[in-house]
Protein backbone atom coordinates (compact mmCIF):
# COMPACT_ATOMS: atom_id res chain seq x y z
CA MET A 1 -33.55 32.66 -29.09
CA LEU A 2 -35.15 31.33 -25.83
CA TYR A 3 -34.61 27.73 -26.97
CA THR A 4 -31.03 28.42 -27.68
CA ILE A 5 -30.42 29.97 -24.27
CA LEU A 6 -32.37 27.13 -22.64
CA GLY A 7 -30.32 24.56 -24.69
CA ILE A 8 -27.03 26.20 -23.67
CA ILE A 9 -28.08 26.14 -19.93
CA ILE A 10 -29.08 22.39 -20.22
CA VAL A 11 -25.70 21.57 -21.88
CA ILE A 12 -23.71 23.53 -19.25
CA SER A 13 -25.82 21.90 -16.46
CA LEU A 14 -25.07 18.43 -17.93
CA ILE A 15 -21.34 19.19 -18.10
CA LEU A 16 -21.27 20.42 -14.51
CA LEU A 17 -23.17 17.39 -13.47
CA ILE A 18 -20.70 15.06 -15.17
CA ILE A 19 -17.76 16.90 -13.75
CA THR A 20 -19.29 16.77 -10.31
CA PHE A 21 -20.05 13.07 -10.68
CA TYR A 22 -16.41 12.20 -11.57
CA TYR A 23 -14.94 14.56 -9.07
CA ASN A 24 -16.81 12.78 -6.42
CA LYS A 25 -15.66 9.36 -7.77
CA PHE A 26 -12.10 10.60 -7.63
CA ASN A 27 -12.53 11.88 -4.09
CA PHE A 28 -14.01 8.56 -2.98
CA ALA A 29 -11.07 6.69 -4.50
CA ILE A 30 -8.60 9.04 -2.95
CA ILE A 31 -10.26 8.63 0.57
CA LYS A 32 -10.08 4.71 0.18
CA ILE A 33 -6.46 4.99 -0.96
CA ALA A 34 -5.57 7.23 2.00
CA GLU A 35 -7.35 4.83 4.41
CA ALA A 36 -5.39 1.97 3.00
CA GLU A 37 -2.07 3.92 3.38
CA ASN A 38 -2.97 4.71 7.00
CA ASN A 39 -3.64 1.04 7.73
CA ILE A 40 -0.48 0.03 5.97
CA ASP A 41 1.55 2.55 7.94
CA ILE A 42 0.15 1.19 11.21
CA LEU A 43 0.93 -2.40 10.13
CA PHE A 44 4.50 -1.42 9.04
CA ASP A 45 5.06 0.18 12.48
CA LYS A 46 3.82 -2.93 14.14
CA LYS A 47 6.01 -5.21 12.03
CA MET A 48 9.09 -3.10 12.68
CA GLN A 49 8.36 -3.30 16.43
CA LEU A 50 7.97 -7.10 16.26
CA LEU A 51 11.15 -7.47 14.27
CA GLU A 52 12.91 -5.37 16.85
CA ARG A 53 11.63 -7.57 19.60
CA THR A 54 13.18 -10.60 17.89
CA ARG A 55 16.72 -9.13 17.88
CA PRO A 56 17.71 -9.50 21.44
CA ILE A 57 16.23 -13.04 21.68
CA VAL A 58 18.06 -14.23 18.48
CA LYS A 59 21.30 -12.47 19.52
CA LYS A 60 21.21 -14.08 22.91
CA GLU A 61 20.34 -17.58 21.68
CA LEU A 62 22.81 -17.69 18.85
CA LYS A 63 25.42 -15.41 20.52
CA LEU A 64 25.49 -13.06 17.63
CA LYS A 65 26.85 -9.57 17.67
CA GLU A 66 24.63 -8.28 14.82
CA PHE A 67 21.23 -9.29 13.64
CA LEU A 68 18.66 -7.24 11.72
CA GLU A 69 20.89 -4.13 12.03
CA ASP A 70 19.13 -2.47 9.05
CA ILE A 71 16.04 -1.95 11.22
CA GLU A 72 17.81 0.93 12.89
CA TYR A 73 18.32 2.53 9.53
CA LEU A 74 14.51 2.20 8.79
CA ASN A 75 13.67 3.83 12.06
CA GLU A 76 15.85 6.85 11.23
CA THR A 77 14.94 7.47 7.62
CA THR A 78 11.83 8.53 5.88
CA ILE A 79 11.18 6.28 2.88
CA ASN A 80 8.08 5.77 0.85
CA HIS A 81 5.71 2.89 1.47
CA PHE A 82 6.98 0.80 -1.41
CA GLU A 83 10.59 0.93 -0.16
CA MET A 84 9.49 0.29 3.42
CA ASN A 85 7.51 -2.77 2.24
CA ASN A 86 10.49 -4.11 0.39
CA SER A 87 12.89 -3.46 3.31
CA LEU A 88 10.60 -5.02 5.87
CA LYS A 89 10.09 -8.05 3.74
CA ALA A 90 13.79 -8.43 3.37
CA LEU A 91 14.22 -8.33 7.16
CA HIS A 92 11.34 -10.69 7.71
CA ASN A 93 12.99 -13.17 5.19
CA GLU A 94 16.31 -12.78 7.05
CA LEU A 95 14.57 -13.72 10.32
CA ASN A 96 12.90 -16.75 8.62
CA LYS A 97 16.24 -17.83 7.21
CA ILE A 98 17.80 -17.72 10.64
CA LEU A 99 14.90 -19.74 12.15
CA ASP A 100 15.17 -22.27 9.49
CA GLU A 101 18.96 -22.65 9.95
CA ASN A 102 18.68 -22.92 13.73
CA GLU A 103 16.18 -25.24 15.21
CA LYS A 104 17.15 -24.44 18.80
CA LEU A 105 15.36 -20.99 18.30
CA TYR A 106 12.05 -22.93 18.21
CA LYS A 107 12.49 -23.66 21.89
CA SER A 108 12.06 -20.00 22.80
CA GLU A 109 8.35 -19.55 23.39
CA ALA A 110 8.74 -15.72 23.44
CA LEU A 111 10.26 -15.86 19.93
CA LEU A 112 7.67 -18.21 18.63
CA SER A 113 4.95 -15.95 19.93
CA ILE A 114 6.55 -12.96 18.14
CA VAL A 115 6.90 -14.94 14.89
CA GLU A 116 3.24 -15.88 15.12
CA GLU A 117 2.30 -12.27 15.52
CA LEU A 118 4.66 -11.43 12.55
CA ASN A 119 2.80 -13.95 10.36
CA GLY A 120 -0.59 -12.48 11.34
CA ASN A 121 0.76 -9.03 10.69
CA GLU A 122 2.05 -10.15 7.36
CA GLU A 123 -1.44 -11.44 6.39
CA ALA A 124 -2.91 -8.05 7.47
CA ILE A 125 -0.29 -6.22 5.35
CA LEU A 126 -1.25 -8.39 2.26
CA GLY A 127 -4.95 -7.55 2.86
CA SER A 128 -4.24 -3.87 3.15
CA THR A 129 -1.96 -3.70 0.14
CA LYS A 130 -4.67 -5.61 -1.89
CA PHE A 131 -7.30 -2.98 -0.81
CA TYR A 132 -4.84 -0.25 -1.73
CA ASN A 133 -4.10 -1.87 -5.15
CA ASP A 134 -7.79 -2.41 -5.92
CA ASN A 135 -8.51 1.21 -5.26
CA VAL A 136 -5.52 2.38 -7.26
CA VAL A 137 -6.86 0.37 -10.15
CA VAL A 138 -10.12 2.29 -9.91
CA PHE A 139 -8.27 5.62 -9.53
CA ASN A 140 -6.00 4.90 -12.46
CA GLN A 141 -8.98 3.83 -14.65
CA LEU A 142 -10.63 7.14 -13.87
CA VAL A 143 -7.39 9.07 -14.82
CA GLY A 144 -7.00 7.12 -18.07
CA SER A 145 -10.63 7.10 -19.47
CA PHE A 146 -12.94 9.61 -20.92
CA PRO A 147 -14.77 11.68 -19.56
CA SER A 148 -13.17 11.28 -16.16
CA ASN A 149 -9.72 12.09 -17.62
CA VAL A 150 -10.96 15.58 -18.22
CA VAL A 151 -11.66 15.95 -14.41
CA ALA A 152 -8.22 14.39 -13.86
CA LEU A 153 -6.60 16.99 -16.14
CA LEU A 154 -8.49 19.88 -14.35
CA TRP A 155 -7.52 18.72 -10.83
CA ARG A 156 -4.03 17.46 -11.98
CA TYR A 157 -4.57 13.92 -10.83
CA LYS A 158 -1.74 11.63 -11.95
CA LYS A 159 -1.73 7.80 -11.92
CA LYS A 160 -0.72 6.15 -8.73
CA GLU A 161 1.74 3.34 -8.18
CA PHE A 162 0.90 -0.20 -7.17
CA TYR A 163 2.50 -2.25 -4.42
CA ASN A 164 3.59 -5.00 -6.81
CA ASN A 165 4.11 -5.40 -10.49
CA GLU A 166 1.52 -8.15 -10.77
CA LYS A 167 -1.39 -5.67 -10.22
CA LYS A 168 0.30 -3.16 -12.51
CA GLU A 169 0.48 -5.83 -15.33
CA MET A 170 -3.20 -6.74 -14.76
CA TYR A 171 -4.11 -3.03 -15.02
CA GLU A 172 -2.17 -2.53 -18.26
CA ILE A 173 -3.79 -5.69 -19.77
CA LEU A 174 -7.20 -4.32 -18.81
CA ASN A 175 -6.16 -0.93 -20.24
CA GLU A 176 -5.27 -2.41 -23.60
CA LYS A 177 -8.84 -3.98 -24.05
């Protein structure tokens, strides 16, 4: 009888220890994902400001009435990170297209300085999204594998999205093995 009670206590203790271990792993991944999201938010705000600073220069140099008008829409709406990333990439590509088509814009030192900052910002965004994606892989592996999926079920953790399909495909390939 005593051994049975002791055995039950040991089994319950092991289960609680395993749950605590995986709960902490989830929390660690969640903290890292939140950190990456905060960094990405800051970088997106900076990219938006830099793109806004290019507008008057390009409009003046090329005598355009409209240029990067969608940026005003982005300022007014609340969209998720993934949509914001795609929208800002499209605006950045539009700026690069204008720069490629109009060599006289390269004479503006102010514009070149902003473009240089934009390129640095883009590298930082790529680094932050890689950090985000790497941590989402860890989180999604925890959600999808035993025994951590029991903890995920208890705390209702769901798989998170990636910033690009490339990482998602890699995760699914790893998941199949």
